[in-house]
Amino acid sequence: MSVYLDTSVLVPLFIDDVFSFRAQALLREGGAQIISDVAATEFASALGLRCRRKLLEIAEARAAFEDFDIWRSKVSQVESGPADLRAAESALRRLDLNLRAPDAIHIAIAQRIGAGLATFDARMAQCARALGAAVVPM
């Protein structure tokens, strides 16, 4: 099965994090790994936020960006589109779900491409299941 990696999986692949070991184990399992332009944008945002909060040195962030760029040139990439935003909006209108807009977009992309969603965000995984998305056991 193809696996769509959300930002919560990408960040610990490139900086030391409590989920780093589990994220690396997921990649070792094989299968097609897919990231989106949304995930790459959120990755940049997450590293920037950690730098501003003094949780990550700028040099470490730059090294992580270099490693990320090399890695992503070797994995499948998908672009988000208007249909993903419409699907995300529809999911967000489900008021029974505790869902944030970026997470809804990730779920919509994973569903559109028929990939299992890999996330360490338990709330997002629960919402994805409620929306009928396949979620990779983490």
N, C-alpha and C. Protein backbone atom coordinates (compact mmCIF):
# COMPACT_ATOMS: atom_id res chain seq x y z
N MET A 1 0.83 -1.17 0.00
CA MET A 1 0.00 0.00 0.00
C MET A 1 0.88 1.25 0.00
N SER A 2 0.47 2.25 -0.73
CA SER A 2 1.15 3.54 -0.71
C SER A 2 0.83 4.23 0.61
N VAL A 3 1.80 4.99 1.11
CA VAL A 3 1.65 5.67 2.39
C VAL A 3 1.88 7.16 2.19
N TYR A 4 0.86 7.94 2.57
CA TYR A 4 0.96 9.40 2.54
C TYR A 4 1.48 9.87 3.89
N LEU A 5 2.60 10.56 3.90
CA LEU A 5 3.23 11.02 5.14
C LEU A 5 2.80 12.45 5.45
N ASP A 6 2.18 12.63 6.61
CA ASP A 6 1.84 13.99 6.99
C ASP A 6 3.02 14.61 7.72
N THR A 7 2.88 15.86 8.08
CA THR A 7 3.99 16.61 8.67
C THR A 7 4.46 16.03 9.99
N SER A 8 3.54 15.45 10.76
CA SER A 8 3.94 14.89 12.06
C SER A 8 4.90 13.71 11.89
N VAL A 9 4.94 13.13 10.71
CA VAL A 9 5.89 12.05 10.41
C VAL A 9 7.16 12.63 9.78
N LEU A 10 7.01 13.65 8.97
CA LEU A 10 8.17 14.23 8.29
C LEU A 10 9.15 14.89 9.25
N VAL A 11 8.65 15.68 10.17
CA VAL A 11 9.54 16.42 11.07
C VAL A 11 10.49 15.49 11.82
N PRO A 12 9.99 14.43 12.47
CA PRO A 12 10.93 13.57 13.21
C PRO A 12 11.87 12.75 12.33
N LEU A 13 11.64 12.75 11.04
CA LEU A 13 12.59 12.09 10.15
C LEU A 13 13.87 12.91 9.99
N PHE A 14 13.76 14.22 10.20
CA PHE A 14 14.89 15.10 9.89
C PHE A 14 15.43 15.90 11.06
N ILE A 15 14.74 15.88 12.19
CA ILE A 15 15.29 16.47 13.41
C ILE A 15 15.00 15.50 14.55
N ASP A 16 15.82 15.58 15.58
CA ASP A 16 15.65 14.69 16.72
C ASP A 16 14.34 15.01 17.43
N ASP A 17 13.53 13.99 17.62
CA ASP A 17 12.17 14.17 18.15
C ASP A 17 11.78 12.87 18.85
N VAL A 18 10.77 12.94 19.71
CA VAL A 18 10.32 11.74 20.41
C VAL A 18 9.80 10.67 19.45
N PHE A 19 9.38 11.08 18.26
CA PHE A 19 8.85 10.13 17.28
C PHE A 19 9.87 9.70 16.22
N SER A 20 11.11 10.15 16.35
CA SER A 20 12.11 9.87 15.30
C SER A 20 12.28 8.38 15.04
N PHE A 21 12.41 7.59 16.10
CA PHE A 21 12.62 6.15 15.92
C PHE A 21 11.44 5.52 15.18
N ARG A 22 10.23 5.87 15.58
CA ARG A 22 9.03 5.29 14.95
C ARG A 22 8.88 5.75 13.51
N ALA A 23 9.23 7.00 13.22
CA ALA A 23 9.14 7.51 11.85
C ALA A 23 10.14 6.77 10.95
N GLN A 24 11.35 6.58 11.45
CA GLN A 24 12.36 5.86 10.67
C GLN A 24 11.96 4.40 10.46
N ALA A 25 11.35 3.80 11.46
CA ALA A 25 10.88 2.41 11.34
C ALA A 25 9.81 2.31 10.25
N LEU A 26 8.95 3.29 10.17
CA LEU A 26 7.92 3.29 9.13
C LEU A 26 8.55 3.29 7.75
N LEU A 27 9.57 4.09 7.55
CA LEU A 27 10.22 4.14 6.24
C LEU A 27 10.93 2.84 5.91
N ARG A 28 11.47 2.18 6.92
CA ARG A 28 12.15 0.90 6.68
C ARG A 28 11.19 -0.20 6.27
N GLU A 29 9.91 -0.04 6.60
CA GLU A 29 8.92 -1.05 6.23
C GLU A 29 8.72 -1.14 4.73
N GLY A 30 9.17 -0.13 4.01
CA GLY A 30 9.05 -0.16 2.56
C GLY A 30 7.72 0.35 2.08
N GLY A 31 7.43 0.09 0.83
CA GLY A 31 6.22 0.61 0.21
C GLY A 31 6.45 2.01 -0.31
N ALA A 32 5.56 2.44 -1.16
CA ALA A 32 5.67 3.76 -1.76
C ALA A 32 5.34 4.83 -0.73
N GLN A 33 6.24 5.77 -0.57
CA GLN A 33 6.02 6.89 0.34
C GLN A 33 5.71 8.12 -0.49
N ILE A 34 4.68 8.84 -0.07
CA ILE A 34 4.21 9.98 -0.82
C ILE A 34 4.10 11.18 0.10
N ILE A 35 4.56 12.33 -0.39
CA ILE A 35 4.37 13.58 0.34
C ILE A 35 3.71 14.58 -0.59
N SER A 36 3.13 15.60 0.00
CA SER A 36 2.47 16.63 -0.79
C SER A 36 3.17 17.97 -0.61
N ASP A 37 2.78 18.91 -1.47
CA ASP A 37 3.27 20.27 -1.32
C ASP A 37 2.81 20.87 0.00
N VAL A 38 1.65 20.46 0.47
CA VAL A 38 1.14 20.94 1.76
C VAL A 38 2.05 20.45 2.88
N ALA A 39 2.43 19.19 2.85
CA ALA A 39 3.31 18.64 3.88
C ALA A 39 4.68 19.33 3.85
N ALA A 40 5.20 19.59 2.67
CA ALA A 40 6.50 20.27 2.56
C ALA A 40 6.41 21.69 3.13
N THR A 41 5.31 22.36 2.88
CA THR A 41 5.11 23.71 3.41
C THR A 41 5.00 23.68 4.93
N GLU A 42 4.23 22.74 5.45
CA GLU A 42 4.10 22.61 6.90
C GLU A 42 5.42 22.22 7.55
N PHE A 43 6.21 21.41 6.86
CA PHE A 43 7.53 21.03 7.36
C PHE A 43 8.38 22.29 7.56
N ALA A 44 8.39 23.16 6.56
CA ALA A 44 9.16 24.40 6.67
C ALA A 44 8.64 25.26 7.82
N SER A 45 7.34 25.32 7.96
CA SER A 45 6.73 26.09 9.04
C SER A 45 7.12 25.52 10.41
N ALA A 46 7.08 24.20 10.54
CA ALA A 46 7.40 23.55 11.82
C ALA A 46 8.85 23.82 12.22
N LEU A 47 9.77 23.75 11.28
CA LEU A 47 11.16 24.02 11.60
C LEU A 47 11.36 25.49 11.95
N GLY A 48 10.70 26.37 11.22
CA GLY A 48 10.79 27.80 11.52
C GLY A 48 10.27 28.11 12.91
N LEU A 49 9.15 27.49 13.27
CA LEU A 49 8.56 27.69 14.59
C LEU A 49 9.51 27.21 15.68
N ARG A 50 10.13 26.06 15.47
CA ARG A 50 11.07 25.54 16.48
C ARG A 50 12.28 26.46 16.62
N CYS A 51 12.73 27.06 15.52
CA CYS A 51 13.84 28.01 15.61
C CYS A 51 13.42 29.25 16.39
N ARG A 52 12.25 29.79 16.10
CA ARG A 52 11.78 30.99 16.79
C ARG A 52 11.59 30.74 18.28
N ARG A 53 11.20 29.53 18.63
CA ARG A 53 11.02 29.18 20.04
C ARG A 53 12.32 28.73 20.69
N LYS A 54 13.41 28.81 19.95
CA LYS A 54 14.74 28.43 20.45
C LYS A 54 14.83 26.95 20.81
N LEU A 55 14.05 26.12 20.13
CA LEU A 55 14.10 24.68 20.34
C LEU A 55 15.00 24.00 19.31
N LEU A 56 15.40 24.78 18.31
CA LEU A 56 16.23 24.25 17.23
C LEU A 56 17.16 25.37 16.76
N GLU A 57 18.41 25.03 16.62
CA GLU A 57 19.38 26.01 16.12
C GLU A 57 19.17 26.21 14.61
N ILE A 58 19.44 27.39 14.14
CA ILE A 58 19.27 27.71 12.72
C ILE A 58 20.12 26.79 11.86
N ALA A 59 21.33 26.50 12.29
CA ALA A 59 22.21 25.60 11.52
C ALA A 59 21.60 24.20 11.43
N GLU A 60 20.97 23.75 12.51
CA GLU A 60 20.31 22.44 12.49
C GLU A 60 19.13 22.45 11.52
N ALA A 61 18.37 23.53 11.53
CA ALA A 61 17.23 23.64 10.62
C ALA A 61 17.70 23.65 9.16
N ARG A 62 18.75 24.38 8.88
CA ARG A 62 19.28 24.42 7.50
C ARG A 62 19.76 23.04 7.06
N ALA A 63 20.40 22.32 7.96
CA ALA A 63 20.85 20.96 7.63
C ALA A 63 19.64 20.05 7.40
N ALA A 64 18.60 20.22 8.21
CA ALA A 64 17.39 19.41 8.03
C ALA A 64 16.73 19.72 6.68
N PHE A 65 16.71 21.00 6.31
CA PHE A 65 16.14 21.37 5.00
C PHE A 65 16.93 20.72 3.86
N GLU A 66 18.26 20.72 3.97
CA GLU A 66 19.09 20.10 2.93
C GLU A 66 18.79 18.60 2.84
N ASP A 67 18.75 17.93 3.98
CA ASP A 67 18.46 16.49 3.99
C ASP A 67 17.06 16.21 3.45
N PHE A 68 16.10 17.04 3.84
CA PHE A 68 14.72 16.89 3.37
C PHE A 68 14.65 17.03 1.85
N ASP A 69 15.32 18.04 1.32
CA ASP A 69 15.28 18.27 -0.13
C ASP A 69 15.87 17.10 -0.91
N ILE A 70 16.95 16.54 -0.40
CA ILE A 70 17.56 15.37 -1.05
C ILE A 70 16.59 14.18 -0.98
N TRP A 71 16.04 13.95 0.21
CA TRP A 71 15.12 12.82 0.40
C TRP A 71 13.88 12.96 -0.46
N ARG A 72 13.28 14.14 -0.49
CA ARG A 72 12.02 14.28 -1.22
C ARG A 72 12.21 14.15 -2.73
N SER A 73 13.43 14.34 -3.21
CA SER A 73 13.67 14.14 -4.64
C SER A 73 13.61 12.65 -5.00
N LYS A 74 13.60 11.79 -3.98
CA LYS A 74 13.61 10.34 -4.20
C LYS A 74 12.28 9.67 -3.90
N VAL A 75 11.30 10.43 -3.37
CA VAL A 75 10.00 9.86 -3.06
C VAL A 75 8.94 10.47 -3.97
N SER A 76 7.79 9.83 -3.99
CA SER A 76 6.69 10.34 -4.80
C SER A 76 6.14 11.61 -4.17
N GLN A 77 5.80 12.54 -5.03
CA GLN A 77 5.24 13.80 -4.57
C GLN A 77 3.93 14.06 -5.30
N VAL A 78 3.01 14.68 -4.60
CA VAL A 78 1.72 15.00 -5.17
C VAL A 78 1.39 16.45 -4.82
N GLU A 79 0.73 17.13 -5.73
CA GLU A 79 0.32 18.51 -5.47
C GLU A 79 -1.13 18.53 -5.03
N SER A 80 -1.41 19.44 -4.12
CA SER A 80 -2.80 19.64 -3.72
C SER A 80 -3.51 20.43 -4.82
N GLY A 81 -4.83 20.32 -4.83
CA GLY A 81 -5.59 21.03 -5.84
C GLY A 81 -6.94 21.46 -5.32
N PRO A 82 -7.70 22.11 -6.16
CA PRO A 82 -9.02 22.61 -5.74
C PRO A 82 -9.94 21.51 -5.21
N ALA A 83 -9.88 20.32 -5.79
CA ALA A 83 -10.73 19.22 -5.31
C ALA A 83 -10.37 18.84 -3.88
N ASP A 84 -9.09 18.91 -3.54
CA ASP A 84 -8.67 18.61 -2.17
C ASP A 84 -9.22 19.64 -1.20
N LEU A 85 -9.21 20.90 -1.61
CA LEU A 85 -9.73 21.95 -0.73
C LEU A 85 -11.25 21.82 -0.55
N ARG A 86 -11.95 21.45 -1.61
CA ARG A 86 -13.39 21.24 -1.49
C ARG A 86 -13.69 20.06 -0.56
N ALA A 87 -12.93 18.98 -0.71
CA ALA A 87 -13.12 17.82 0.17
C ALA A 87 -12.79 18.18 1.62
N ALA A 88 -11.74 18.97 1.81
CA ALA A 88 -11.37 19.39 3.16
C ALA A 88 -12.46 20.27 3.76
N GLU A 89 -12.99 21.17 2.97
CA GLU A 89 -14.07 22.03 3.47
C GLU A 89 -15.28 21.19 3.88
N SER A 90 -15.61 20.23 3.06
CA SER A 90 -16.73 19.35 3.38
C SER A 90 -16.49 18.62 4.70
N ALA A 91 -15.27 18.14 4.90
CA ALA A 91 -14.93 17.46 6.16
C ALA A 91 -15.01 18.42 7.34
N LEU A 92 -14.57 19.64 7.14
CA LEU A 92 -14.59 20.63 8.22
C LEU A 92 -16.01 21.04 8.60
N ARG A 93 -16.94 20.88 7.67
CA ARG A 93 -18.34 21.19 7.96
C ARG A 93 -19.01 20.09 8.79
N ARG A 94 -18.30 18.98 8.95
CA ARG A 94 -18.77 17.93 9.86
C ARG A 94 -18.46 18.40 11.27
N LEU A 95 -19.38 19.00 11.88
CA LEU A 95 -19.15 19.64 13.18
C LEU A 95 -18.94 18.65 14.31
N ASP A 96 -19.16 17.37 14.01
CA ASP A 96 -18.90 16.35 15.02
C ASP A 96 -17.42 15.98 15.09
N LEU A 97 -16.62 16.48 14.15
CA LEU A 97 -15.20 16.16 14.12
C LEU A 97 -14.37 17.31 14.67
N ASN A 98 -13.35 16.99 15.42
CA ASN A 98 -12.42 17.98 15.95
C ASN A 98 -11.24 18.04 14.99
N LEU A 99 -11.43 18.75 13.88
CA LEU A 99 -10.50 18.70 12.76
C LEU A 99 -10.02 20.10 12.42
N ARG A 100 -8.72 20.23 12.20
CA ARG A 100 -8.12 21.50 11.76
C ARG A 100 -7.99 21.48 10.24
N ALA A 101 -7.99 22.67 9.64
CA ALA A 101 -7.95 22.79 8.18
C ALA A 101 -6.75 22.06 7.55
N PRO A 102 -5.52 22.26 8.02
CA PRO A 102 -4.40 21.55 7.38
C PRO A 102 -4.55 20.03 7.45
N ASP A 103 -5.06 19.54 8.58
CA ASP A 103 -5.26 18.10 8.72
C ASP A 103 -6.32 17.60 7.74
N ALA A 104 -7.38 18.38 7.56
CA ALA A 104 -8.44 18.01 6.62
C ALA A 104 -7.88 17.94 5.20
N ILE A 105 -6.96 18.84 4.87
CA ILE A 105 -6.35 18.83 3.54
C ILE A 105 -5.49 17.58 3.36
N HIS A 106 -4.70 17.24 4.37
CA HIS A 106 -3.89 16.02 4.29
C HIS A 106 -4.78 14.79 4.09
N ILE A 107 -5.86 14.71 4.84
CA ILE A 107 -6.77 13.57 4.72
C ILE A 107 -7.37 13.52 3.32
N ALA A 108 -7.78 14.66 2.81
CA ALA A 108 -8.37 14.72 1.47
C ALA A 108 -7.38 14.25 0.41
N ILE A 109 -6.13 14.68 0.52
CA ILE A 109 -5.10 14.27 -0.45
C ILE A 109 -4.88 12.76 -0.37
N ALA A 110 -4.73 12.24 0.84
CA ALA A 110 -4.51 10.80 1.01
C ALA A 110 -5.66 10.01 0.40
N GLN A 111 -6.89 10.45 0.63
CA GLN A 111 -8.05 9.75 0.07
C GLN A 111 -8.05 9.84 -1.46
N ARG A 112 -7.75 11.02 -1.99
CA ARG A 112 -7.78 11.18 -3.45
C ARG A 112 -6.79 10.25 -4.14
N ILE A 113 -5.61 10.08 -3.55
CA ILE A 113 -4.59 9.26 -4.21
C ILE A 113 -4.66 7.79 -3.79
N GLY A 114 -5.59 7.47 -2.89
CA GLY A 114 -5.77 6.09 -2.47
C GLY A 114 -4.64 5.55 -1.61
N ALA A 115 -4.06 6.42 -0.80
CA ALA A 115 -2.95 6.01 0.07
C ALA A 115 -3.40 5.96 1.52
N GLY A 116 -2.71 5.14 2.30
CA GLY A 116 -2.94 5.13 3.73
C GLY A 116 -2.29 6.36 4.34
N LEU A 117 -2.95 6.96 5.30
CA LEU A 117 -2.44 8.15 5.97
C LEU A 117 -1.54 7.75 7.13
N ALA A 118 -0.31 8.23 7.12
CA ALA A 118 0.61 8.02 8.24
C ALA A 118 0.70 9.32 9.03
N THR A 119 0.30 9.26 10.29
CA THR A 119 0.35 10.43 11.16
C THR A 119 0.57 10.00 12.59
N PHE A 120 1.25 10.84 13.35
CA PHE A 120 1.38 10.62 14.79
C PHE A 120 0.33 11.40 15.56
N ASP A 121 -0.50 12.14 14.85
CA ASP A 121 -1.55 12.95 15.46
C ASP A 121 -2.79 12.08 15.67
N ALA A 122 -3.00 11.66 16.91
CA ALA A 122 -4.10 10.73 17.22
C ALA A 122 -5.46 11.33 16.88
N ARG A 123 -5.64 12.61 17.13
CA ARG A 123 -6.92 13.26 16.82
C ARG A 123 -7.17 13.26 15.30
N MET A 124 -6.14 13.56 14.54
CA MET A 124 -6.26 13.55 13.08
C MET A 124 -6.57 12.14 12.58
N ALA A 125 -5.90 11.14 13.13
CA ALA A 125 -6.15 9.75 12.73
C ALA A 125 -7.59 9.35 13.01
N GLN A 126 -8.10 9.75 14.17
CA GLN A 126 -9.49 9.44 14.52
C GLN A 126 -10.46 10.09 13.53
N CYS A 127 -10.20 11.35 13.18
CA CYS A 127 -11.06 12.05 12.21
C CYS A 127 -10.96 11.39 10.83
N ALA A 128 -9.74 11.01 10.45
CA ALA A 128 -9.55 10.36 9.15
C ALA A 128 -10.37 9.08 9.07
N ARG A 129 -10.34 8.29 10.12
CA ARG A 129 -11.13 7.05 10.14
C ARG A 129 -12.62 7.36 10.03
N ALA A 130 -13.07 8.39 10.73
CA ALA A 130 -14.49 8.77 10.67
C ALA A 130 -14.88 9.22 9.27
N LEU A 131 -13.93 9.72 8.51
CA LEU A 131 -14.18 10.15 7.14
C LEU A 131 -13.97 9.02 6.12
N GLY A 132 -13.65 7.84 6.62
CA GLY A 132 -13.48 6.69 5.74
C GLY A 132 -12.11 6.55 5.13
N ALA A 133 -11.13 7.28 5.64
CA ALA A 133 -9.76 7.20 5.12
C ALA A 133 -9.02 6.04 5.76
N ALA A 134 -8.13 5.44 5.01
CA ALA A 134 -7.26 4.41 5.55
C ALA A 134 -6.16 5.07 6.37
N VAL A 135 -5.91 4.55 7.56
CA VAL A 135 -4.88 5.10 8.44
C VAL A 135 -3.87 4.01 8.73
N VAL A 136 -2.61 4.34 8.55
CA VAL A 136 -1.51 3.40 8.79
C VAL A 136 -1.29 3.26 10.29
N PRO A 137 -1.26 2.06 10.81
CA PRO A 137 -0.98 1.89 12.25
C PRO A 137 0.39 2.44 12.59
N MET A 138 0.45 3.25 13.59
CA MET A 138 1.72 3.87 13.97
C MET A 138 2.08 3.42 15.37
